[in-house]
Amino acid sequence: AISPKGSHRTISGMTYFYLRMKAYLALEAW
């Protein structure tokens, strides 16, 4: 079984990566 703590860490990591990529694409749009 996967610990909730590890799962939360993965989700937060994916969210951070998504926001970072979104910001990168926004800068590229300029």
PDB file of N, CA and C in Angstrom:
ATOM      1  N   ALA A   1       0.842  -1.210   0.000  1.00  0.00           N
ATOM      2  CA  ALA A   1       0.000   0.000   0.000  1.00  0.00           C
ATOM      3  C   ALA A   1       0.870   1.251   0.000  1.00  0.00           C
ATOM      4  N   ILE A   2       0.398   2.269  -0.689  1.00  0.00           N
ATOM      5  CA  ILE A   2       1.147   3.525  -0.763  1.00  0.00           C
ATOM      6  C   ILE A   2       0.711   4.437   0.380  1.00  0.00           C
ATOM      7  N   SER A   3       1.673   4.986   1.074  1.00  0.00           N
ATOM      8  CA  SER A   3       1.344   5.858   2.209  1.00  0.00           C
ATOM      9  C   SER A   3       0.735   7.162   1.711  1.00  0.00           C
ATOM     10  N   PRO A   4      -0.267   7.700   2.407  1.00  0.00           N
ATOM     11  CA  PRO A   4      -0.914   8.956   2.020  1.00  0.00           C
ATOM     12  C   PRO A   4       0.101  10.085   1.899  1.00  0.00           C
ATOM     13  N   LYS A   5       1.117  10.042   2.768  1.00  0.00           N
ATOM     14  CA  LYS A   5       2.123  11.096   2.765  1.00  0.00           C
ATOM     15  C   LYS A   5       2.872  11.100   1.429  1.00  0.00           C
ATOM     16  N   GLY A   6       3.245   9.898   0.970  1.00  0.00           N
ATOM     17  CA  GLY A   6       3.964   9.789  -0.291  1.00  0.00           C
ATOM     18  C   GLY A   6       3.069  10.196  -1.455  1.00  0.00           C
ATOM     19  N   SER A   7       1.786   9.817  -1.385  1.00  0.00           N
ATOM     20  CA  SER A   7       0.837  10.159  -2.439  1.00  0.00           C
ATOM     21  C   SER A   7       0.667  11.670  -2.525  1.00  0.00           C
ATOM     22  N   HIS A   8       0.542  12.299  -1.378  1.00  0.00           N
ATOM     23  CA  HIS A   8       0.357  13.751  -1.346  1.00  0.00           C
ATOM     24  C   HIS A   8       1.588  14.436  -1.924  1.00  0.00           C
ATOM     25  N   ARG A   9       2.752  13.874  -1.610  1.00  0.00           N
ATOM     26  CA  ARG A   9       4.000  14.455  -2.106  1.00  0.00           C
ATOM     27  C   ARG A   9       4.039  14.372  -3.628  1.00  0.00           C
ATOM     28  N   THR A  10       3.564  13.251  -4.162  1.00  0.00           N
ATOM     29  CA  THR A  10       3.563  13.075  -5.615  1.00  0.00           C
ATOM     30  C   THR A  10       2.603  14.061  -6.276  1.00  0.00           C
ATOM     31  N   ILE A  11       1.415  14.201  -5.697  1.00  0.00           N
ATOM     32  CA  ILE A  11       0.414  15.116  -6.257  1.00  0.00           C
ATOM     33  C   ILE A  11       0.925  16.553  -6.225  1.00  0.00           C
ATOM     34  N   SER A  12       1.509  16.948  -5.105  1.00  0.00           N
ATOM     35  CA  SER A  12       2.022  18.314  -4.986  1.00  0.00           C
ATOM     36  C   SER A  12       3.159  18.516  -5.973  1.00  0.00           C
ATOM     37  N   GLY A  13       3.952  17.469  -6.176  1.00  0.00           N
ATOM     38  CA  GLY A  13       5.067  17.563  -7.110  1.00  0.00           C
ATOM     39  C   GLY A  13       4.560  17.746  -8.536  1.00  0.00           C
ATOM     40  N   MET A  14       3.521  16.988  -8.893  1.00  0.00           N
ATOM     41  CA  MET A  14       2.935  17.102 -10.228  1.00  0.00           C
ATOM     42  C   MET A  14       2.323  18.478 -10.423  1.00  0.00           C
ATOM     43  N   THR A  15       1.655  18.998  -9.391  1.00  0.00           N
ATOM     44  CA  THR A  15       1.039  20.322  -9.472  1.00  0.00           C
ATOM     45  C   THR A  15       2.108  21.379  -9.688  1.00  0.00           C
ATOM     46  N   TYR A  16       3.212  21.277  -8.939  1.00  0.00           N
ATOM     47  CA  TYR A  16       4.310  22.236  -9.060  1.00  0.00           C
ATOM     48  C   TYR A  16       4.883  22.185 -10.476  1.00  0.00           C
ATOM     49  N   PHE A  17       5.070  20.960 -10.984  1.00  0.00           N
ATOM     50  CA  PHE A  17       5.619  20.784 -12.322  1.00  0.00           C
ATOM     51  C   PHE A  17       4.687  21.385 -13.373  1.00  0.00           C
ATOM     52  N   TYR A  18       3.367  21.172 -13.195  1.00  0.00           N
ATOM     53  CA  TYR A  18       2.369  21.693 -14.130  1.00  0.00           C
ATOM     54  C   TYR A  18       2.387  23.214 -14.148  1.00  0.00           C
ATOM     55  N   LEU A  19       2.400  23.822 -12.954  1.00  0.00           N
ATOM     56  CA  LEU A  19       2.394  25.281 -12.874  1.00  0.00           C
ATOM     57  C   LEU A  19       3.678  25.850 -13.463  1.00  0.00           C
ATOM     58  N   ARG A  20       4.797  25.161 -13.223  1.00  0.00           N
ATOM     59  CA  ARG A  20       6.076  25.633 -13.744  1.00  0.00           C
ATOM     60  C   ARG A  20       6.073  25.580 -15.268  1.00  0.00           C
ATOM     61  N   MET A  21       5.538  24.481 -15.831  1.00  0.00           N
ATOM     62  CA  MET A  21       5.470  24.342 -17.281  1.00  0.00           C
ATOM     63  C   MET A  21       4.539  25.395 -17.868  1.00  0.00           C
ATOM     64  N   LYS A  22       3.415  25.630 -17.185  1.00  0.00           N
ATOM     65  CA  LYS A  22       2.446  26.615 -17.655  1.00  0.00           C
ATOM     66  C   LYS A  22       3.090  28.000 -17.695  1.00  0.00           C
ATOM     67  N   ALA A  23       3.858  28.322 -16.664  1.00  0.00           N
ATOM     68  CA  ALA A  23       4.535  29.620 -16.605  1.00  0.00           C
ATOM     69  C   ALA A  23       5.573  29.702 -17.721  1.00  0.00           C
ATOM     70  N   TYR A  24       6.277  28.601 -17.981  1.00  0.00           N
ATOM     71  CA  TYR A  24       7.291  28.560 -19.033  1.00  0.00           C
ATOM     72  C   TYR A  24       6.658  28.815 -20.401  1.00  0.00           C
ATOM     73  N   LEU A  25       5.523  28.162 -20.649  1.00  0.00           N
ATOM     74  CA  LEU A  25       4.830  28.346 -21.921  1.00  0.00           C
ATOM     75  C   LEU A  25       4.327  29.780 -22.051  1.00  0.00           C
ATOM     76  N   ALA A  26       3.914  30.365 -20.930  1.00  0.00           N
ATOM     77  CA  ALA A  26       3.421  31.740 -20.946  1.00  0.00           C
ATOM     78  C   ALA A  26       4.555  32.679 -21.355  1.00  0.00           C
ATOM     79  N   LEU A  27       5.757  32.419 -20.839  1.00  0.00           N
ATOM     80  CA  LEU A  27       6.904  33.261 -21.181  1.00  0.00           C
ATOM     81  C   LEU A  27       7.272  33.067 -22.646  1.00  0.00           C
ATOM     82  N   GLU A  28       7.160  31.828 -23.127  1.00  0.00           N
ATOM     83  CA  GLU A  28       7.474  31.539 -24.522  1.00  0.00           C
ATOM     84  C   GLU A  28       6.487  32.243 -25.449  1.00  0.00           C
ATOM     85  N   ALA A  29       5.258  32.420 -24.973  1.00  0.00           N
ATOM     86  CA  ALA A  29       4.224  33.066 -25.783  1.00  0.00           C
ATOM     87  C   ALA A  29       4.596  34.520 -26.074  1.00  0.00           C
ATOM     88  N   TRP A  30       5.328  35.120 -25.148  1.00  0.00           N
ATOM     89  CA  TRP A  30       5.738  36.500 -25.373  1.00  0.00           C
ATOM     90  C   TRP A  30       6.703  36.538 -26.563  1.00  0.00           C
TER      91      TRP A  30
END
